[in-house]
Amino acid sequence: KSPKYSVWLGTEDKFYVTVTSRDLKRIDICEVDVATAKPRTIIEERLNTYVEVRPIKPIKNFTQFVHWSERAGWAHLYLYDNNGNVVRQLTSGEFHVEKILGVDETANVVYFTANGREKDENPYYLHLYKVSLNGGPITMLTPGDADHSISTDDDCRWFVDNHSRVDRAPASAL
């Protein structure tokens, strides 16, 4: 099976691409009109150092996006409207959001992995969390002082948690 290099991210009349500068200090997330092929920048990332990027997660029929950014010095999640305006910052603090796993629009939550959030724990241990798209407290879904590797179904209704550490046998939970 060949690796996934890209996934169609769009509708029948527009799609979204990430444009990165050669020096990796500027990233633009653009909406492209299929009929005219004209791009419109909706999110700009600018840093004096290397900028990392993660795929945006469109929600509410592409009228909003959950976006991963290091703009505040830590990697966190932001909710944007489709005009590139920040609606709200969804996560904050001295920890690193690694990846958006999915959004449950019915429950109005985003599921993500992060590390370095739990006190007195190895800062490299990854956990699964959720936060409301309206903002509010973050809820950890994979407790335990271990590194968690998470797999979810497409709707984020179920997840498999394979967790381990060097001084314990690996374990799994559904």
C-alpha atoms as a PDB file:
ATOM      1  CA  LYS A   1       0.000   0.000   0.000  1.00  0.00           C
ATOM      2  CA  SER A   2       1.483   3.352  -0.975  1.00  0.00           C
ATOM      3  CA  PRO A   3       1.560   6.198   1.543  1.00  0.00           C
ATOM      4  CA  LYS A   4      -0.975   9.023   1.422  1.00  0.00           C
ATOM      5  CA  TYR A   5       0.684  12.182   0.175  1.00  0.00           C
ATOM      6  CA  SER A   6      -2.448  14.260  -0.193  1.00  0.00           C
ATOM      7  CA  VAL A   7      -6.156  14.088   0.426  1.00  0.00           C
ATOM      8  CA  TRP A   8      -8.818  16.029  -1.469  1.00  0.00           C
ATOM      9  CA  LEU A   9      -9.842  18.846   0.826  1.00  0.00           C
ATOM     10  CA  GLY A  10     -12.709  20.733  -0.691  1.00  0.00           C
ATOM     11  CA  THR A  11     -16.122  20.755  -2.269  1.00  0.00           C
ATOM     12  CA  GLU A  12     -17.185  20.580  -5.910  1.00  0.00           C
ATOM     13  CA  ASP A  13     -16.559  24.311  -6.442  1.00  0.00           C
ATOM     14  CA  LYS A  14     -13.474  24.978  -4.255  1.00  0.00           C
ATOM     15  CA  PHE A  15     -10.517  23.226  -2.684  1.00  0.00           C
ATOM     16  CA  TYR A  16      -7.829  24.083  -0.149  1.00  0.00           C
ATOM     17  CA  VAL A  17      -4.058  23.955  -0.469  1.00  0.00           C
ATOM     18  CA  THR A  18      -1.107  24.886   1.697  1.00  0.00           C
ATOM     19  CA  VAL A  19       1.602  26.993   0.056  1.00  0.00           C
ATOM     20  CA  THR A  20       4.977  27.013   1.779  1.00  0.00           C
ATOM     21  CA  SER A  21       7.835  29.417   1.110  1.00  0.00           C
ATOM     22  CA  ARG A  22      11.174  27.970   0.133  1.00  0.00           C
ATOM     23  CA  ASP A  23      12.752  28.992   3.463  1.00  0.00           C
ATOM     24  CA  LEU A  24       9.819  27.416   5.395  1.00  0.00           C
ATOM     25  CA  LYS A  25       9.126  30.626   7.331  1.00  0.00           C
ATOM     26  CA  ARG A  26       5.839  31.479   5.589  1.00  0.00           C
ATOM     27  CA  ILE A  27       2.790  29.308   5.062  1.00  0.00           C
ATOM     28  CA  ASP A  28      -0.455  30.328   3.382  1.00  0.00           C
ATOM     29  CA  ILE A  29      -3.583  28.218   3.487  1.00  0.00           C
ATOM     30  CA  CYS A  30      -5.517  29.060   0.361  1.00  0.00           C
ATOM     31  CA  GLU A  31      -8.992  28.425  -0.971  1.00  0.00           C
ATOM     32  CA  VAL A  32      -8.973  27.874  -4.746  1.00  0.00           C
ATOM     33  CA  ASP A  33     -12.041  28.451  -6.890  1.00  0.00           C
ATOM     34  CA  VAL A  34     -12.371  25.472  -9.257  1.00  0.00           C
ATOM     35  CA  ALA A  35     -14.034  27.476 -12.057  1.00  0.00           C
ATOM     36  CA  THR A  36     -11.491  30.314 -12.175  1.00  0.00           C
ATOM     37  CA  ALA A  37      -8.430  28.621 -10.585  1.00  0.00           C
ATOM     38  CA  LYS A  38      -7.956  31.798  -8.532  1.00  0.00           C
ATOM     39  CA  PRO A  39      -6.533  31.283  -5.035  1.00  0.00           C
ATOM     40  CA  ARG A  40      -7.591  33.293  -1.992  1.00  0.00           C
ATOM     41  CA  THR A  41      -5.394  33.224   1.106  1.00  0.00           C
ATOM     42  CA  ILE A  42      -7.480  32.537   4.186  1.00  0.00           C
ATOM     43  CA  ILE A  43      -4.799  31.858   6.825  1.00  0.00           C
ATOM     44  CA  GLU A  44      -1.235  33.204   6.946  1.00  0.00           C
ATOM     45  CA  GLU A  45       1.502  31.832   9.208  1.00  0.00           C
ATOM     46  CA  ARG A  46       4.718  33.846   9.566  1.00  0.00           C
ATOM     47  CA  LEU A  47       7.606  33.013  11.917  1.00  0.00           C
ATOM     48  CA  ASN A  48      11.295  33.895  12.050  1.00  0.00           C
ATOM     49  CA  THR A  49      12.076  30.184  12.337  1.00  0.00           C
ATOM     50  CA  TYR A  50      10.987  27.056  10.523  1.00  0.00           C
ATOM     51  CA  VAL A  51       7.161  26.831  10.423  1.00  0.00           C
ATOM     52  CA  GLU A  52       5.552  23.443  10.786  1.00  0.00           C
ATOM     53  CA  VAL A  53       2.159  22.774   9.292  1.00  0.00           C
ATOM     54  CA  ARG A  54      -0.657  20.308   9.881  1.00  0.00           C
ATOM     55  CA  PRO A  55      -3.765  19.819   7.718  1.00  0.00           C
ATOM     56  CA  ILE A  56      -6.730  22.050   8.518  1.00  0.00           C
ATOM     57  CA  LYS A  57      -9.947  20.343   9.558  1.00  0.00           C
ATOM     58  CA  PRO A  58     -12.985  21.859   7.806  1.00  0.00           C
ATOM     59  CA  ILE A  59     -16.282  21.837   9.715  1.00  0.00           C
ATOM     60  CA  LYS A  60     -19.814  23.158   9.335  1.00  0.00           C
ATOM     61  CA  ASN A  61     -19.873  22.592   5.570  1.00  0.00           C
ATOM     62  CA  PHE A  62     -16.533  24.410   5.058  1.00  0.00           C
ATOM     63  CA  THR A  63     -17.707  27.586   6.819  1.00  0.00           C
ATOM     64  CA  GLN A  64     -15.212  27.054   9.653  1.00  0.00           C
ATOM     65  CA  PHE A  65     -11.828  25.361  10.117  1.00  0.00           C
ATOM     66  CA  VAL A  66      -9.857  23.974  13.025  1.00  0.00           C
ATOM     67  CA  HIS A  67      -6.241  25.009  12.456  1.00  0.00           C
ATOM     68  CA  TRP A  68      -3.033  23.880  14.206  1.00  0.00           C
ATOM     69  CA  SER A  69      -0.503  26.659  14.771  1.00  0.00           C
ATOM     70  CA  GLU A  70       2.644  27.485  16.741  1.00  0.00           C
ATOM     71  CA  ARG A  71       1.976  31.235  16.582  1.00  0.00           C
ATOM     72  CA  ALA A  72       1.826  31.610  20.385  1.00  0.00           C
ATOM     73  CA  GLY A  73       5.131  29.780  20.960  1.00  0.00           C
ATOM     74  CA  TRP A  74       3.398  26.458  21.663  1.00  0.00           C
ATOM     75  CA  ALA A  75       1.461  24.300  19.198  1.00  0.00           C
ATOM     76  CA  HIS A  76      -2.269  24.862  19.743  1.00  0.00           C
ATOM     77  CA  LEU A  77      -5.641  24.695  18.016  1.00  0.00           C
ATOM     78  CA  TYR A  78      -7.602  27.660  16.677  1.00  0.00           C
ATOM     79  CA  LEU A  79     -11.105  27.926  15.230  1.00  0.00           C
ATOM     80  CA  TYR A  80     -11.295  30.085  12.088  1.00  0.00           C
ATOM     81  CA  ASP A  81     -14.168  31.210   9.890  1.00  0.00           C
ATOM     82  CA  ASN A  82     -13.865  30.766   6.121  1.00  0.00           C
ATOM     83  CA  ASN A  83     -12.706  34.391   5.725  1.00  0.00           C
ATOM     84  CA  GLY A  84      -9.571  33.744   7.773  1.00  0.00           C
ATOM     85  CA  ASN A  85     -10.765  35.358  10.998  1.00  0.00           C
ATOM     86  CA  VAL A  86      -9.893  33.688  14.299  1.00  0.00           C
ATOM     87  CA  VAL A  87     -13.166  32.840  16.039  1.00  0.00           C
ATOM     88  CA  ARG A  88     -11.381  31.587  19.175  1.00  0.00           C
ATOM     89  CA  GLN A  89      -8.304  29.812  20.428  1.00  0.00           C
ATOM     90  CA  LEU A  90      -9.368  26.306  21.474  1.00  0.00           C
ATOM     91  CA  THR A  91      -6.279  25.197  23.428  1.00  0.00           C
ATOM     92  CA  SER A  92      -3.627  27.119  25.330  1.00  0.00           C
ATOM     93  CA  GLY A  93      -0.908  26.573  27.876  1.00  0.00           C
ATOM     94  CA  GLU A  94       2.618  25.217  28.083  1.00  0.00           C
ATOM     95  CA  PHE A  95       2.118  21.993  26.152  1.00  0.00           C
ATOM     96  CA  HIS A  96       2.257  20.790  22.548  1.00  0.00           C
ATOM     97  CA  VAL A  97      -0.774  19.766  20.483  1.00  0.00           C
ATOM     98  CA  GLU A  98       0.512  17.139  18.082  1.00  0.00           C
ATOM     99  CA  LYS A  99      -2.370  16.291  15.764  1.00  0.00           C
ATOM    100  CA  ILE A 100      -6.093  16.759  15.134  1.00  0.00           C
ATOM    101  CA  LEU A 101      -7.669  13.297  15.006  1.00  0.00           C
ATOM    102  CA  GLY A 102     -11.178  14.433  14.151  1.00  0.00           C
ATOM    103  CA  VAL A 103     -14.174  16.591  14.912  1.00  0.00           C
ATOM    104  CA  ASP A 104     -17.569  15.394  16.122  1.00  0.00           C
ATOM    105  CA  GLU A 105     -19.858  18.184  14.929  1.00  0.00           C
ATOM    106  CA  THR A 106     -22.898  16.663  16.663  1.00  0.00           C
ATOM    107  CA  ALA A 107     -21.118  16.710  20.039  1.00  0.00           C
ATOM    108  CA  ASN A 108     -19.339  19.961  19.042  1.00  0.00           C
ATOM    109  CA  VAL A 109     -15.883  18.703  20.072  1.00  0.00           C
ATOM    110  CA  VAL A 110     -12.469  18.295  18.487  1.00  0.00           C
ATOM    111  CA  TYR A 111     -10.310  15.266  19.352  1.00  0.00           C
ATOM    112  CA  PHE A 112      -6.552  15.721  19.358  1.00  0.00           C
ATOM    113  CA  THR A 113      -3.320  14.279  20.660  1.00  0.00           C
ATOM    114  CA  ALA A 114      -0.909  16.310  22.770  1.00  0.00           C
ATOM    115  CA  ASN A 115       2.089  15.887  25.011  1.00  0.00           C
ATOM    116  CA  GLY A 116       3.724  17.772  27.862  1.00  0.00           C
ATOM    117  CA  ARG A 117       0.402  18.719  29.486  1.00  0.00           C
ATOM    118  CA  GLU A 118       0.393  16.319  32.463  1.00  0.00           C
ATOM    119  CA  LYS A 119       2.421  17.312  35.527  1.00  0.00           C
ATOM    120  CA  ASP A 120       5.012  14.892  36.876  1.00  0.00           C
ATOM    121  CA  GLU A 121       4.886  12.828  33.693  1.00  0.00           C
ATOM    122  CA  ASN A 122       7.412  12.326  30.905  1.00  0.00           C
ATOM    123  CA  PRO A 123       6.746  15.332  28.611  1.00  0.00           C
ATOM    124  CA  TYR A 124       7.102  13.124  25.531  1.00  0.00           C
ATOM    125  CA  TYR A 125       4.184  10.861  26.501  1.00  0.00           C
ATOM    126  CA  LEU A 126       1.318  11.416  24.077  1.00  0.00           C
ATOM    127  CA  HIS A 127      -2.346  11.440  25.224  1.00  0.00           C
ATOM    128  CA  LEU A 128      -5.749  11.812  23.582  1.00  0.00           C
ATOM    129  CA  TYR A 129      -7.855  14.836  24.553  1.00  0.00           C
ATOM    130  CA  LYS A 130     -11.045  16.588  23.542  1.00  0.00           C
ATOM    131  CA  VAL A 131     -12.167  20.204  23.762  1.00  0.00           C
ATOM    132  CA  SER A 132     -15.425  21.928  22.863  1.00  0.00           C
ATOM    133  CA  LEU A 133     -15.503  24.021  19.704  1.00  0.00           C
ATOM    134  CA  ASN A 134     -17.076  26.680  21.948  1.00  0.00           C
ATOM    135  CA  GLY A 135     -13.914  26.709  24.057  1.00  0.00           C
ATOM    136  CA  GLY A 136     -13.648  25.611  27.656  1.00  0.00           C
ATOM    137  CA  PRO A 137     -11.737  22.980  29.590  1.00  0.00           C
ATOM    138  CA  ILE A 138      -9.736  20.232  27.920  1.00  0.00           C
ATOM    139  CA  THR A 139     -10.647  16.647  28.850  1.00  0.00           C
ATOM    140  CA  MET A 140      -8.030  13.867  28.817  1.00  0.00           C
ATOM    141  CA  LEU A 141      -9.418  10.607  27.380  1.00  0.00           C
ATOM    142  CA  THR A 142      -6.367   8.358  27.880  1.00  0.00           C
ATOM    143  CA  PRO A 143      -5.321   8.508  31.531  1.00  0.00           C
ATOM    144  CA  GLY A 144      -2.223   6.736  32.745  1.00  0.00           C
ATOM    145  CA  ASP A 145       1.429   7.643  33.025  1.00  0.00           C
ATOM    146  CA  ALA A 146       2.442   6.092  29.672  1.00  0.00           C
ATOM    147  CA  ASP A 147       2.874   6.910  25.997  1.00  0.00           C
ATOM    148  CA  HIS A 148      -0.424   6.442  24.153  1.00  0.00           C
ATOM    149  CA  SER A 149      -0.775   5.557  20.475  1.00  0.00           C
ATOM    150  CA  ILE A 150      -4.345   6.267  19.343  1.00  0.00           C
ATOM    151  CA  SER A 151      -6.350   4.943  16.389  1.00  0.00           C
ATOM    152  CA  THR A 152      -9.910   6.177  15.789  1.00  0.00           C
ATOM    153  CA  ASP A 153     -12.754   5.306  13.478  1.00  0.00           C
ATOM    154  CA  ASP A 154     -13.719   7.918  10.865  1.00  0.00           C
ATOM    155  CA  ASP A 155     -16.433   9.420  13.082  1.00  0.00           C
ATOM    156  CA  CYS A 156     -14.276   9.478  16.244  1.00  0.00           C
ATOM    157  CA  ARG A 157     -16.905   7.458  18.104  1.00  0.00           C
ATOM    158  CA  TRP A 158     -14.415   4.721  19.050  1.00  0.00           C
ATOM    159  CA  PHE A 159     -10.709   4.643  19.619  1.00  0.00           C
ATOM    160  CA  VAL A 160      -8.060   2.059  20.345  1.00  0.00           C
ATOM    161  CA  ASP A 161      -5.457   3.119  22.871  1.00  0.00           C
ATOM    162  CA  ASN A 162      -2.173   1.187  22.752  1.00  0.00           C
ATOM    163  CA  HIS A 163      -0.113   2.432  25.663  1.00  0.00           C
ATOM    164  CA  SER A 164       3.306   1.528  26.983  1.00  0.00           C
ATOM    165  CA  ARG A 165       6.439   2.650  28.742  1.00  0.00           C
ATOM    166  CA  VAL A 166       9.891   1.141  29.138  1.00  0.00           C
ATOM    167  CA  ASP A 167       9.271  -0.388  32.573  1.00  0.00           C
ATOM    168  CA  ARG A 168       5.835  -1.965  31.844  1.00  0.00           C
ATOM    169  CA  ALA A 169       4.329  -4.383  29.394  1.00  0.00           C
ATOM    170  CA  PRO A 170       2.301  -2.753  26.599  1.00  0.00           C
ATOM    171  CA  ALA A 171      -1.485  -2.724  26.973  1.00  0.00           C
ATOM    172  CA  SER A 172      -4.469  -1.882  24.804  1.00  0.00           C
ATOM    173  CA  ALA A 173      -7.928  -0.480  25.494  1.00  0.00           C
ATOM    174  CA  LEU A 174     -10.989   0.153  23.344  1.00  0.00           C
END
